Protein backbone atom coordinates (compact mmCIF):
# COMPACT_ATOMS: atom_id res chain seq x y z
CA MET A 1 11.50 -38.34 -16.64
CA ARG A 2 14.54 -37.27 -18.63
CA LYS A 3 17.94 -35.84 -17.76
CA ILE A 4 19.24 -33.25 -20.22
CA THR A 5 22.94 -32.37 -20.21
CA ILE A 6 24.05 -29.37 -22.27
CA HIS A 7 27.77 -29.27 -23.11
CA GLN A 8 29.29 -25.89 -23.92
CA ASN A 9 32.53 -24.71 -25.56
CA ASP A 10 34.08 -23.73 -22.24
CA THR A 11 33.59 -27.29 -20.87
CA GLN A 12 30.90 -26.21 -18.41
CA THR A 13 27.75 -28.33 -18.44
CA ILE A 14 24.16 -27.52 -17.60
CA GLU A 15 21.92 -30.32 -16.32
CA LEU A 16 18.13 -30.20 -16.40
CA ILE A 17 15.32 -32.62 -15.57
CA ASP A 18 12.13 -32.84 -17.63
CA ASP A 19 8.94 -34.81 -16.97
CA SER A 20 7.95 -35.12 -20.63
CA ASP A 21 6.22 -38.32 -21.78
CA GLU A 22 7.04 -37.61 -25.43
CA PRO A 23 8.98 -40.40 -27.23
CA ILE A 24 12.72 -39.74 -27.01
CA GLU A 25 13.12 -39.52 -30.81
CA GLU A 26 10.56 -36.71 -31.05
CA TYR A 27 11.91 -35.07 -27.91
CA CYS A 28 15.43 -34.95 -29.36
CA ALA A 29 14.14 -33.65 -32.70
CA ASN A 30 12.33 -30.81 -30.93
CA LEU A 31 15.35 -30.11 -28.75
CA SER A 32 17.64 -29.95 -31.79
CA GLN A 33 15.72 -26.86 -32.92
CA VAL A 34 17.64 -24.97 -30.22
CA MET A 35 20.84 -25.49 -32.20
CA LYS A 36 19.25 -23.85 -35.29
CA MET A 37 18.27 -20.65 -33.50
CA GLY A 38 20.10 -17.34 -33.78
CA ASN A 39 21.79 -15.47 -30.96
CA ILE A 40 19.69 -16.52 -27.97
CA ALA A 41 17.42 -19.48 -27.24
CA ILE A 42 15.25 -20.23 -24.23
CA LEU A 43 14.94 -23.87 -23.25
CA LYS A 44 12.04 -24.57 -20.89
CA THR A 45 11.68 -27.86 -19.02
CA SER A 46 9.46 -28.94 -16.14
CA SER A 47 12.25 -28.20 -13.66
CA ALA A 48 13.80 -24.99 -15.00
CA SER A 49 14.34 -22.60 -17.89
CA VAL A 50 17.72 -21.81 -19.41
CA VAL A 51 18.76 -18.98 -21.67
CA LEU A 52 21.39 -20.29 -24.12
CA ARG A 53 23.63 -19.00 -26.83
CA PRO A 54 23.42 -21.83 -29.42
CA SER A 55 26.81 -20.93 -30.92
CA LYS A 56 28.43 -21.88 -27.57
CA VAL A 57 26.64 -25.26 -27.29
CA VAL A 58 28.61 -28.20 -28.68
CA GLY A 59 26.18 -30.96 -27.74
CA ILE A 60 23.03 -31.89 -25.87
CA LYS A 61 22.66 -35.31 -24.26
CA VAL A 62 19.20 -36.67 -23.42
CA GLU A 63 18.82 -39.71 -21.13
CA ASP A 64 15.74 -41.51 -19.89
CA SER A 65 15.55 -41.70 -16.11
CA ALA A 66 16.22 -45.45 -16.11
CA SER A 67 19.57 -45.00 -17.89
CA SER A 68 20.59 -41.84 -16.06
CA GLU A 69 20.51 -43.28 -12.56
CA VAL A 70 24.01 -43.10 -11.18
CA LYS A 71 25.05 -45.99 -9.01
CA PRO A 72 27.77 -45.40 -6.44
CA PRO A 73 31.01 -47.26 -7.09
CA THR A 74 31.46 -50.56 -5.33
CA ILE A 75 34.58 -50.74 -3.21
CA ILE A 76 36.14 -54.17 -3.09
CA PRO A 77 38.79 -54.52 -0.38
CA PRO A 78 41.99 -56.29 -1.42
CA GLU A 79 42.46 -59.81 -0.18
CA GLU A 80 44.75 -59.92 2.79
CA SER A 81 47.85 -61.93 2.10
CA LYS A 82 49.51 -63.97 4.83
CA GLU A 83 52.90 -63.58 3.19
CA LYS A 84 54.76 -60.33 3.00
CA PRO A 85 55.11 -59.14 -0.56
CA LYS A 86 58.64 -59.45 -1.88
CA THR A 87 60.37 -56.21 -2.64
CA ASN A 88 63.52 -55.69 -4.58
CA GLU A 89 66.01 -53.71 -2.52
CA ASP A 90 69.47 -52.65 -3.52
CA ILE A 91 71.92 -52.58 -0.64
CA ILE A 92 75.07 -50.52 -1.05
CA THR A 93 77.90 -51.96 1.04
CA ASP A 94 80.91 -50.01 -0.21
CA VAL A 95 81.09 -46.47 -1.49
CA ASP A 96 84.03 -45.10 -3.45
CA SER A 97 85.08 -41.62 -2.33
């Protein structure tokens, strides 16, 4: 399974999933043909079809499913200190009027 991310000029992205078993080098070579097309291109995957204007596409990223799994961030709580942190405070005792 592959995740395909299409980046466009206007910073919007389109994400697709494809179940192709084709080697990634061949898959990318075939996918690059979209960039050579004229006004309109149709990209069909196992999950969806997209009608694209190749002149508006700046890049296409292809990831295998193993590398595209997103892991949630790990939250590490700060260690609790027994001492109060020192702060630098300026105290004004006399004000000239």
